[in-house]
Amino acid sequence: MSKPASKSISVNFSPEKKYQFGIDGRGTSVLGKLQGDHVTAYGLVEEGFYRILSNLSDEEVDGLFKLDNRESLRERRGKVYDYISSIAILDKKNAVSLYTQIDEILKEYNEKRHSKTELRQDTREAQENDTLNKKSLAQILRGIELQYRENGEFVRESLLKIVGLVMTFYNHIPNTSYFSIPEFEASSSEGSTVRTSTEAIASKIRSAQNLVKDGSIASNNRLTRLSDEAVDSIVNLIHLPEIIPVEYEDKKGKKITKSVDDFLEEHKNKTVIDGAKTAKARENTEQELVTALAKHMHITFAVYPELKEVFDKNYLTKSFVEKFIGGRNGNPNDMGWPTFRRQSERDRIYELVKDKLKDFKKMTKEKHYTSYEEYDDLVSSDDEEESTKPRPRIAKPKAKTLMKVKQEGIVIDEDTLRELEELRKFKQLVEKEGAISHSLKQKLKKECPSLYQGDGKTL
């Protein structure tokens, strides 16, 4: 990105308030210091983190490193990683850079996590120490509890640093925001519209969750109405009207028409002069429309994953495309896309958007933060013997134990097993297409025959 993460974005917890998690400021954007008109409302992207991290009580934060509270943290942290991945794949070029910055934060997090083991050991030793009277034991345990609290505060800060990085990352994705175009700019009341619309979507979901269990005809009809109402709110959170000719009257009453090319040329010049290096001017093409609609629904489903549980995903997407292209009050000329008035054209746009959503879903899974090569299996686990990583892994034997490998009829210790696993991972890396030259691969086979036994199977 052309600019570093802005320090003007801050995130904080306010336990005494209704929403205990908050984001202040937007920092710089793809346009530089200016924000312009966001295609997908910035507030919707914020809402993704609000929904995951709000109402995180002080007690829950303070106990994040305790084993009996790990499930609550795991669930939240898993949702954070899912959401981060959904945003990161929208800018594949810089996704690894974002993941690397998150890694740096989680390295410190990991150090705190490991200190939990020492604290538990200190607690056990103090409780088993017969020389300590009740007062001395209480003092020691209070000191350990204070360290637990400090660890909890560190977890809080780690999460908030990550949120700041992701929000800044999103704000710098090309085509996220454009300089306003006169006659087609976002409404001045956009802020209040975003708040009411995000609240409305959550409300429709809650109502639908109660009806889904019923299954009656009346409930199904009500679900359809709720789905349509949710789509209305989803449409309120995107801004990308088609640029069309506008007719004016001069002082003498003569009608003058400003063409699409005139609007776009002025907009392009402003973007070149005032925008950041990564800023792009708006286009007025079908491709831009399809990409914008797909990104918007991708983010919406990431913020509200329950939408796909209570409503039909395809129905939601199709209704969204129809209403967005149809413009305000069903008038395509009013912030819609009149080029696609015909139903057959809208159906085609819907199919393209649906296909692109599938691509985003696939990319999110393949490029998920926890599948990132440098991601440590245990980098964010609060239980050393378990992994938060969604993919299966070979469990490590406990220290000072031996493990029998049945196929080979041999016994290996923990260190040897770890070395073998590292060799397997290395082989997988070099076997990737184009990773190394053929000659070097042959040399590796010669120098490391144990990796290429028989017909090439690994150990």
Protein backbone atom coordinates (compact mmCIF):
# COMPACT_ATOMS: atom_id res chain seq x y z
CA MET A 1 0.00 0.00 0.00
CA SER A 2 1.15 3.51 -0.67
CA LYS A 3 0.66 4.72 2.91
CA PRO A 4 1.35 3.05 6.26
CA ALA A 5 -1.37 2.14 8.74
CA SER A 6 -2.74 5.38 10.12
CA LYS A 7 -2.26 6.14 13.81
CA SER A 8 -5.53 8.07 13.81
CA ILE A 9 -7.45 4.80 13.99
CA SER A 10 -7.88 3.72 17.59
CA VAL A 11 -9.90 0.95 19.16
CA ASN A 12 -10.94 0.61 22.77
CA PHE A 13 -13.09 -1.21 25.27
CA SER A 14 -15.55 0.71 27.43
CA PRO A 15 -17.06 -1.85 29.85
CA GLU A 16 -19.53 0.63 31.32
CA LYS A 17 -21.15 1.34 27.95
CA LYS A 18 -23.69 -0.71 25.98
CA TYR A 19 -21.12 -1.41 23.27
CA GLN A 20 -17.93 -2.36 25.04
CA PHE A 21 -15.90 -2.32 21.87
CA GLY A 22 -15.37 0.80 19.78
CA ILE A 23 -13.46 2.09 16.78
CA ASP A 24 -12.60 5.77 16.58
CA GLY A 25 -11.52 7.44 13.35
CA ARG A 26 -10.92 6.09 9.88
CA GLY A 27 -7.31 7.03 9.27
CA THR A 28 -6.14 7.49 5.71
CA SER A 29 -7.83 5.81 2.77
CA VAL A 30 -7.01 4.75 -0.76
CA LEU A 31 -7.69 8.39 -1.65
CA GLY A 32 -5.14 9.76 0.81
CA LYS A 33 -6.38 11.90 3.69
CA LEU A 34 -9.87 12.15 2.20
CA GLN A 35 -12.46 9.40 2.54
CA GLY A 36 -14.64 10.03 -0.52
CA ASP A 37 -17.70 7.85 -1.10
CA HIS A 38 -17.23 4.27 0.08
CA VAL A 39 -18.83 1.69 -2.20
CA THR A 40 -19.61 -0.59 0.74
CA ALA A 41 -20.29 1.54 3.80
CA TYR A 42 -17.28 1.69 6.12
CA GLY A 43 -19.73 1.29 9.00
CA LEU A 44 -20.76 -2.13 7.73
CA VAL A 45 -17.14 -3.32 7.82
CA GLU A 46 -16.83 -1.95 11.36
CA GLU A 47 -19.97 -3.81 12.31
CA GLY A 48 -18.22 -7.10 11.59
CA PHE A 49 -15.86 -6.50 14.50
CA TYR A 50 -18.58 -4.99 16.70
CA ARG A 51 -20.60 -8.16 16.43
CA ILE A 52 -17.62 -10.38 17.33
CA LEU A 53 -16.08 -8.32 20.12
CA SER A 54 -18.81 -6.20 21.71
CA ASN A 55 -20.11 -7.19 25.14
CA LEU A 56 -16.81 -8.82 26.03
CA SER A 57 -16.97 -8.45 29.81
CA ASP A 58 -14.05 -7.55 32.03
CA GLU A 59 -14.40 -10.91 33.75
CA GLU A 60 -14.17 -12.71 30.42
CA VAL A 61 -11.11 -10.69 29.35
CA ASP A 62 -9.37 -11.26 32.68
CA GLY A 63 -9.93 -15.00 32.45
CA LEU A 64 -8.90 -15.49 28.84
CA PHE A 65 -5.80 -17.50 29.74
CA LYS A 66 -7.55 -19.80 32.19
CA LEU A 67 -8.32 -23.27 30.88
CA ASP A 68 -11.91 -23.28 32.13
CA ASN A 69 -12.66 -20.20 30.00
CA ARG A 70 -10.78 -21.15 26.84
CA GLU A 71 -13.86 -22.19 24.82
CA SER A 72 -15.36 -18.70 25.00
CA LEU A 73 -12.14 -17.15 23.75
CA ARG A 74 -11.64 -19.80 21.07
CA GLU A 75 -15.06 -19.13 19.60
CA ARG A 76 -14.51 -15.38 19.45
CA ARG A 77 -10.98 -15.69 18.14
CA GLY A 78 -12.05 -18.14 15.46
CA LYS A 79 -14.68 -15.66 14.28
CA VAL A 80 -12.07 -12.90 14.22
CA TYR A 81 -9.81 -15.01 11.99
CA ASP A 82 -12.70 -15.86 9.67
CA TYR A 83 -13.60 -12.20 9.34
CA ILE A 84 -10.01 -11.09 8.81
CA SER A 85 -9.67 -13.66 6.02
CA SER A 86 -12.88 -12.48 4.34
CA ILE A 87 -11.46 -8.94 4.17
CA ALA A 88 -7.90 -9.95 3.25
CA ILE A 89 -8.86 -11.85 0.09
CA LEU A 90 -10.37 -8.66 -1.35
CA ASP A 91 -6.80 -7.48 -1.89
CA LYS A 92 -4.81 -10.65 -2.56
CA LYS A 93 -1.71 -8.67 -3.46
CA ASN A 94 -1.34 -7.32 0.08
CA ALA A 95 -3.01 -10.10 2.07
CA VAL A 96 0.27 -11.73 3.13
CA SER A 97 1.55 -8.34 4.28
CA LEU A 98 -1.49 -8.04 6.55
CA TYR A 99 -1.03 -11.58 7.85
CA THR A 100 2.64 -10.89 8.57
CA GLN A 101 1.74 -7.85 10.67
CA ILE A 102 -0.81 -9.92 12.57
CA ASP A 103 1.89 -12.55 13.14
CA GLU A 104 4.08 -9.96 14.85
CA ILE A 105 1.29 -9.12 17.29
CA LEU A 106 0.56 -12.77 17.98
CA LYS A 107 4.21 -13.54 18.68
CA GLU A 108 3.95 -11.33 21.75
CA TYR A 109 0.57 -12.87 22.48
CA ASN A 110 2.20 -16.29 22.38
CA GLU A 111 4.79 -15.30 24.95
CA LYS A 112 2.01 -14.26 27.32
CA ARG A 113 0.18 -17.50 26.61
CA HIS A 114 3.19 -19.56 27.61
CA SER A 115 3.58 -17.57 30.83
CA LYS A 116 0.18 -18.97 31.82
CA THR A 117 1.78 -22.39 32.28
CA GLU A 118 4.29 -20.94 34.73
CA LEU A 119 1.52 -19.16 36.61
CA ARG A 120 -0.45 -22.39 36.98
CA GLN A 121 2.69 -24.14 38.24
CA ASP A 122 3.33 -21.32 40.73
CA THR A 123 -0.25 -21.67 41.95
CA ARG A 124 0.09 -25.42 42.48
CA GLU A 125 3.42 -25.06 44.26
CA ALA A 126 2.05 -22.38 46.58
CA GLN A 127 -1.04 -24.43 47.42
CA GLU A 128 1.10 -27.50 48.16
CA ASN A 129 3.63 -25.59 50.27
CA ASP A 130 2.95 -26.61 53.89
CA THR A 131 5.25 -23.90 55.25
CA LEU A 132 2.92 -21.11 54.07
CA ASN A 133 0.23 -19.87 56.44
CA LYS A 134 -3.18 -18.73 55.11
CA LYS A 135 -2.16 -15.08 54.97
CA SER A 136 1.07 -15.74 53.04
CA LEU A 137 -0.70 -18.10 50.64
CA ALA A 138 -3.43 -15.54 50.01
CA GLN A 139 -0.82 -12.87 49.23
CA ILE A 140 0.96 -15.14 46.74
CA LEU A 141 -2.29 -16.14 45.04
CA ARG A 142 -3.38 -12.49 44.78
CA GLY A 143 -0.07 -11.70 43.08
CA ILE A 144 -0.59 -14.53 40.58
CA GLU A 145 -4.16 -13.39 39.94
CA LEU A 146 -2.83 -9.90 39.20
CA GLN A 147 -0.53 -11.38 36.56
CA TYR A 148 -3.50 -13.21 35.05
CA ARG A 149 -5.30 -9.88 34.84
CA GLU A 150 -2.30 -8.29 33.15
CA ASN A 151 -2.30 -11.11 30.64
CA GLY A 152 -5.99 -10.49 30.04
CA GLU A 153 -5.31 -6.82 29.37
CA PHE A 154 -2.61 -7.82 26.93
CA VAL A 155 -5.07 -10.05 25.05
CA ARG A 156 -7.45 -7.11 24.88
CA GLU A 157 -4.76 -4.89 23.40
CA SER A 158 -3.64 -7.57 20.95
CA LEU A 159 -7.14 -7.93 19.55
CA LEU A 160 -7.52 -4.18 19.22
CA LYS A 161 -4.20 -3.78 17.39
CA ILE A 162 -5.31 -6.43 14.92
CA VAL A 163 -8.64 -4.67 14.37
CA GLY A 164 -6.84 -1.39 13.68
CA LEU A 165 -4.63 -3.09 11.10
CA VAL A 166 -7.54 -4.74 9.31
CA MET A 167 -9.68 -1.60 9.19
CA THR A 168 -6.77 0.40 7.76
CA PHE A 169 -6.02 -2.42 5.31
CA TYR A 170 -9.62 -2.36 4.09
CA ASN A 171 -9.61 1.40 3.72
CA HIS A 172 -6.62 1.12 1.35
CA ILE A 173 -8.04 -1.54 -0.97
CA PRO A 174 -8.35 -0.11 -4.50
CA ASN A 175 -11.95 0.57 -5.60
CA THR A 176 -13.09 0.65 -1.98
CA SER A 177 -13.79 4.37 -2.17
CA TYR A 178 -14.02 7.01 -4.89
CA PHE A 179 -13.99 10.78 -4.96
CA SER A 180 -17.57 12.05 -4.96
CA ILE A 181 -19.09 12.81 -8.36
CA PRO A 182 -21.52 15.77 -8.34
CA GLU A 183 -25.13 14.63 -8.91
CA PHE A 184 -24.13 11.10 -7.89
CA GLU A 185 -22.56 11.63 -4.46
CA ALA A 186 -23.61 9.76 -1.32
CA SER A 187 -26.30 11.27 0.88
CA SER A 188 -25.28 13.64 3.66
CA SER A 189 -27.34 11.47 6.05
CA GLU A 190 -25.33 8.36 5.20
CA GLY A 191 -24.08 7.95 8.78
CA SER A 192 -27.52 7.62 10.34
CA THR A 193 -28.67 5.40 7.45
CA VAL A 194 -25.77 3.01 8.08
CA ARG A 195 -26.59 2.78 11.79
CA THR A 196 -30.29 2.13 11.29
CA SER A 197 -29.67 -0.32 8.44
CA THR A 198 -27.12 -2.45 10.31
CA GLU A 199 -29.43 -2.57 13.33
CA ALA A 200 -32.37 -3.49 11.07
CA ILE A 201 -30.49 -6.44 9.51
CA ALA A 202 -29.65 -7.81 12.96
CA SER A 203 -33.28 -7.36 14.00
CA LYS A 204 -34.60 -9.25 10.95
CA ILE A 205 -32.20 -12.10 11.69
CA ARG A 206 -33.41 -12.38 15.30
CA SER A 207 -37.03 -12.44 14.18
CA ALA A 208 -36.28 -15.03 11.50
CA GLN A 209 -34.44 -17.32 13.90
CA ASN A 210 -37.63 -17.77 15.90
CA LEU A 211 -39.69 -18.50 12.77
CA VAL A 212 -37.30 -21.02 11.20
CA LYS A 213 -38.05 -23.52 13.97
CA ASP A 214 -41.79 -23.28 13.31
CA GLY A 215 -41.94 -24.42 9.68
CA SER A 216 -45.59 -23.49 9.16
CA ILE A 217 -46.89 -21.84 5.98
CA ALA A 218 -47.56 -18.63 7.89
CA SER A 219 -44.01 -18.63 9.25
CA ASN A 220 -42.53 -19.25 5.80
CA ASN A 221 -44.51 -16.32 4.37
CA ARG A 222 -43.29 -14.14 7.20
CA LEU A 223 -39.71 -15.29 6.54
CA THR A 224 -40.01 -14.16 2.91
CA ARG A 225 -41.18 -10.72 4.04
CA LEU A 226 -38.34 -10.47 6.54
CA SER A 227 -35.88 -11.48 3.83
CA ASP A 228 -37.13 -8.69 1.55
CA GLU A 229 -36.89 -6.19 4.41
CA ALA A 230 -33.32 -7.30 5.14
CA VAL A 231 -32.43 -6.77 1.47
CA ASP A 232 -33.78 -3.20 1.66
CA SER A 233 -31.28 -2.52 4.45
CA ILE A 234 -28.45 -4.26 2.61
CA VAL A 235 -29.07 -2.02 -0.42
CA ASN A 236 -28.84 1.04 1.86
CA LEU A 237 -25.24 0.10 2.66
CA ILE A 238 -23.81 0.28 -0.87
CA HIS A 239 -23.20 3.31 -3.09
CA LEU A 240 -22.27 2.91 -6.73
CA PRO A 241 -24.89 4.47 -9.02
CA GLU A 242 -24.49 4.34 -12.78
CA ILE A 243 -23.30 7.65 -14.20
CA ILE A 244 -25.90 8.88 -16.68
CA PRO A 245 -26.34 12.14 -18.67
CA VAL A 246 -27.81 15.01 -16.65
CA GLU A 247 -29.84 17.85 -18.14
CA TYR A 248 -29.46 21.42 -16.82
CA GLU A 249 -30.98 24.79 -17.63
CA ASP A 250 -28.75 27.82 -18.06
CA LYS A 251 -29.74 31.31 -16.93
CA LYS A 252 -31.62 31.87 -20.16
CA GLY A 253 -33.63 28.69 -19.72
CA LYS A 254 -31.74 26.81 -22.41
CA LYS A 255 -31.34 23.10 -21.74
CA ILE A 256 -27.76 21.81 -21.58
CA THR A 257 -26.82 18.14 -21.20
CA LYS A 258 -23.70 17.04 -19.35
CA SER A 259 -22.54 13.72 -20.80
CA VAL A 260 -21.26 10.63 -19.05
CA ASP A 261 -17.81 11.24 -20.54
CA ASP A 262 -17.78 14.77 -19.10
CA PHE A 263 -18.58 13.47 -15.59
CA LEU A 264 -16.00 10.68 -15.76
CA GLU A 265 -13.26 12.92 -17.20
CA GLU A 266 -13.63 15.43 -14.36
CA HIS A 267 -13.65 12.58 -11.83
CA LYS A 268 -10.54 10.99 -13.35
CA ASN A 269 -8.62 14.29 -13.24
CA LYS A 270 -9.47 14.80 -9.56
CA THR A 271 -8.38 11.24 -8.74
CA VAL A 272 -5.02 11.72 -10.47
CA ILE A 273 -4.37 15.07 -8.79
CA ASP A 274 -5.67 14.46 -5.26
CA GLY A 275 -5.65 10.68 -4.81
CA ALA A 276 -3.03 8.38 -3.34
CA LYS A 277 -0.88 6.23 -5.63
CA THR A 278 -3.30 3.33 -5.34
CA ALA A 279 -6.38 5.44 -6.01
CA LYS A 280 -8.41 4.52 -9.08
CA ALA A 281 -11.04 6.49 -10.93
CA ARG A 282 -14.56 5.14 -11.24
CA GLU A 283 -15.64 3.31 -14.32
CA ASN A 284 -19.14 2.81 -15.63
CA THR A 285 -18.93 -0.77 -16.81
CA GLU A 286 -20.77 -4.02 -16.24
CA GLN A 287 -17.59 -5.54 -14.83
CA GLU A 288 -17.29 -2.83 -12.19
CA LEU A 289 -20.95 -3.28 -11.27
CA VAL A 290 -20.66 -7.06 -10.90
CA THR A 291 -17.48 -6.84 -8.82
CA ALA A 292 -18.93 -4.17 -6.52
CA LEU A 293 -22.16 -6.10 -5.94
CA ALA A 294 -20.31 -9.34 -5.25
CA LYS A 295 -17.87 -7.69 -2.83
CA HIS A 296 -20.75 -6.04 -1.00
CA MET A 297 -22.66 -9.28 -0.52
CA HIS A 298 -19.44 -11.09 0.42
CA ILE A 299 -18.81 -8.57 3.20
CA THR A 300 -22.47 -8.63 4.26
CA PHE A 301 -22.43 -12.42 4.65
CA ALA A 302 -19.13 -12.17 6.55
CA VAL A 303 -20.62 -9.62 8.97
CA TYR A 304 -23.92 -11.49 9.30
CA PRO A 305 -23.18 -15.20 8.71
CA GLU A 306 -26.61 -15.97 10.22
CA LEU A 307 -28.24 -14.55 7.08
CA LYS A 308 -27.39 -17.79 5.26
CA GLU A 309 -28.85 -19.83 8.11
CA VAL A 310 -32.29 -18.20 8.27
CA PHE A 311 -32.79 -17.05 4.67
CA ASP A 312 -32.10 -18.52 1.25
CA LYS A 313 -28.71 -17.15 0.17
CA ASN A 314 -29.53 -17.15 -3.54
CA TYR A 315 -32.89 -15.48 -2.96
CA LEU A 316 -31.19 -12.77 -0.90
CA THR A 317 -28.54 -12.19 -3.57
CA LYS A 318 -31.02 -12.10 -6.45
CA SER A 319 -33.34 -9.72 -4.58
CA PHE A 320 -30.37 -7.51 -3.73
CA VAL A 321 -29.26 -7.29 -7.39
CA GLU A 322 -32.81 -6.52 -8.51
CA LYS A 323 -33.36 -3.75 -5.95
CA PHE A 324 -29.96 -2.15 -6.36
CA ILE A 325 -30.17 -1.98 -10.15
CA GLY A 326 -33.80 -0.85 -9.87
CA GLY A 327 -32.78 2.35 -8.03
CA ARG A 328 -34.61 4.27 -5.33
CA ASN A 329 -38.38 3.76 -5.32
CA GLY A 330 -38.01 1.44 -8.29
CA ASN A 331 -36.61 4.15 -10.57
CA PRO A 332 -33.36 2.97 -12.23
CA ASN A 333 -32.48 6.60 -13.09
CA ASP A 334 -32.43 7.43 -9.37
CA MET A 335 -29.15 5.94 -8.11
CA GLY A 336 -29.74 2.67 -10.00
CA TRP A 337 -28.37 1.23 -13.24
CA PRO A 338 -30.83 2.00 -16.06
CA THR A 339 -28.59 0.24 -18.62
CA PHE A 340 -29.90 -3.05 -17.21
CA ARG A 341 -33.63 -2.33 -17.19
CA ARG A 342 -34.66 -5.61 -18.79
CA GLN A 343 -35.29 -8.61 -16.58
CA SER A 344 -33.09 -10.82 -18.73
CA GLU A 345 -30.17 -8.42 -18.21
CA ARG A 346 -30.68 -8.35 -14.46
CA ASP A 347 -30.84 -12.13 -14.37
CA ARG A 348 -27.51 -12.24 -16.19
CA ILE A 349 -25.95 -9.80 -13.70
CA TYR A 350 -27.26 -11.95 -10.84
CA GLU A 351 -25.64 -15.09 -12.29
CA LEU A 352 -22.31 -13.28 -12.63
CA VAL A 353 -22.52 -11.99 -9.06
CA LYS A 354 -23.40 -15.47 -7.78
CA ASP A 355 -20.38 -16.97 -9.54
CA LYS A 356 -18.08 -14.30 -8.12
CA LEU A 357 -19.41 -14.95 -4.62
CA LYS A 358 -18.44 -18.60 -5.02
CA ASP A 359 -14.95 -17.49 -6.01
CA PHE A 360 -14.69 -15.29 -2.91
CA LYS A 361 -15.86 -18.14 -0.70
CA LYS A 362 -13.29 -20.48 -2.22
CA MET A 363 -10.49 -17.91 -1.86
CA THR A 364 -11.41 -17.21 1.77
CA LYS A 365 -11.06 -20.91 2.54
CA GLU A 366 -7.84 -21.40 0.59
CA LYS A 367 -6.19 -18.15 1.73
CA HIS A 368 -7.55 -18.23 5.28
CA TYR A 369 -5.25 -16.68 7.85
CA THR A 370 -4.84 -20.00 9.66
CA SER A 371 -3.75 -21.72 6.44
CA TYR A 372 -1.10 -19.08 5.83
CA GLU A 373 2.27 -20.88 5.65
CA GLU A 374 3.96 -18.91 8.42
CA TYR A 375 1.04 -19.26 10.82
CA ASP A 376 2.12 -21.19 13.90
CA ASP A 377 -0.21 -24.01 14.94
CA LEU A 378 -0.13 -22.81 18.52
CA VAL A 379 0.55 -19.13 18.03
CA SER A 380 -2.78 -18.14 19.52
CA SER A 381 -3.88 -21.18 21.49
CA ASP A 382 -4.57 -20.77 25.18
CA ASP A 383 -4.05 -24.50 25.77
CA GLU A 384 -0.58 -25.76 24.87
CA GLU A 385 -1.77 -29.27 24.05
CA GLU A 386 -4.55 -28.20 21.67
CA SER A 387 -4.56 -26.25 18.44
CA THR A 388 -7.00 -23.56 17.31
CA LYS A 389 -6.08 -24.25 13.72
CA PRO A 390 -9.04 -25.75 11.84
CA ARG A 391 -7.03 -28.29 9.86
CA PRO A 392 -5.97 -31.56 11.56
CA ARG A 393 -2.44 -32.02 12.80
CA ILE A 394 -0.42 -34.84 14.34
CA ALA A 395 -0.58 -34.54 18.12
CA LYS A 396 2.72 -34.04 19.85
CA PRO A 397 3.60 -36.68 22.46
CA LYS A 398 4.10 -35.41 25.97
CA ALA A 399 7.64 -34.66 27.09
CA LYS A 400 9.92 -37.56 27.98
CA THR A 401 7.59 -40.11 26.39
CA LEU A 402 8.33 -42.51 23.55
CA MET A 403 6.16 -43.31 20.56
CA LYS A 404 6.10 -46.49 18.48
CA VAL A 405 5.70 -46.21 14.72
CA LYS A 406 3.89 -49.45 13.82
CA GLN A 407 4.64 -49.39 10.13
CA GLU A 408 8.40 -49.31 10.70
CA GLY A 409 8.49 -51.28 13.94
CA ILE A 410 10.71 -48.68 15.61
CA VAL A 411 10.47 -46.36 18.57
CA ILE A 412 11.14 -42.63 18.29
CA ASP A 413 11.21 -39.84 20.81
CA GLU A 414 9.52 -36.46 20.65
CA ASP A 415 12.45 -34.59 19.11
CA THR A 416 12.87 -37.15 16.34
CA LEU A 417 9.15 -37.07 15.57
CA ARG A 418 9.26 -33.29 15.31
CA GLU A 419 12.23 -33.47 12.93
CA LEU A 420 10.37 -35.95 10.73
CA GLU A 421 7.36 -33.68 10.59
CA GLU A 422 9.57 -30.76 9.61
CA LEU A 423 11.10 -32.88 6.83
CA ARG A 424 7.64 -33.78 5.55
CA LYS A 425 6.65 -30.14 5.48
CA PHE A 426 9.88 -29.30 3.67
CA LYS A 427 9.22 -31.95 1.05
CA GLN A 428 5.68 -30.65 0.51
CA LEU A 429 7.11 -27.18 0.00
CA VAL A 430 9.73 -28.18 -2.57
CA GLU A 431 7.25 -30.41 -4.39
CA LYS A 432 5.03 -27.44 -5.17
CA GLU A 433 4.90 -26.78 -8.89
CA GLY A 434 7.56 -24.30 -9.88
CA ALA A 435 8.94 -24.00 -6.35
CA ILE A 436 12.41 -25.24 -7.32
CA SER A 437 14.16 -26.36 -10.50
CA HIS A 438 14.06 -29.97 -11.66
CA SER A 439 17.82 -30.38 -11.23
CA LEU A 440 17.72 -29.18 -7.64
CA LYS A 441 14.80 -31.49 -6.91
CA GLN A 442 16.81 -34.45 -8.23
CA LYS A 443 19.74 -33.45 -6.05
CA LEU A 444 17.46 -33.34 -3.00
CA LYS A 445 16.23 -36.83 -3.79
CA LYS A 446 19.81 -38.02 -3.95
CA GLU A 447 20.92 -36.24 -0.75
CA CYS A 448 17.73 -37.09 1.21
CA PRO A 449 16.79 -40.63 0.12
CA SER A 450 14.68 -41.23 3.23
CA LEU A 451 12.18 -38.68 1.93
CA TYR A 452 11.80 -40.54 -1.37
CA GLN A 453 11.62 -44.18 -0.46
CA GLY A 454 10.19 -46.76 -2.87
CA ASP A 455 7.82 -45.13 -5.34
CA GLY A 456 8.28 -41.68 -3.85
CA LYS A 457 6.04 -41.99 -0.79
CA THR A 458 7.11 -40.10 2.30
CA LEU A 459 8.08 -41.68 5.57
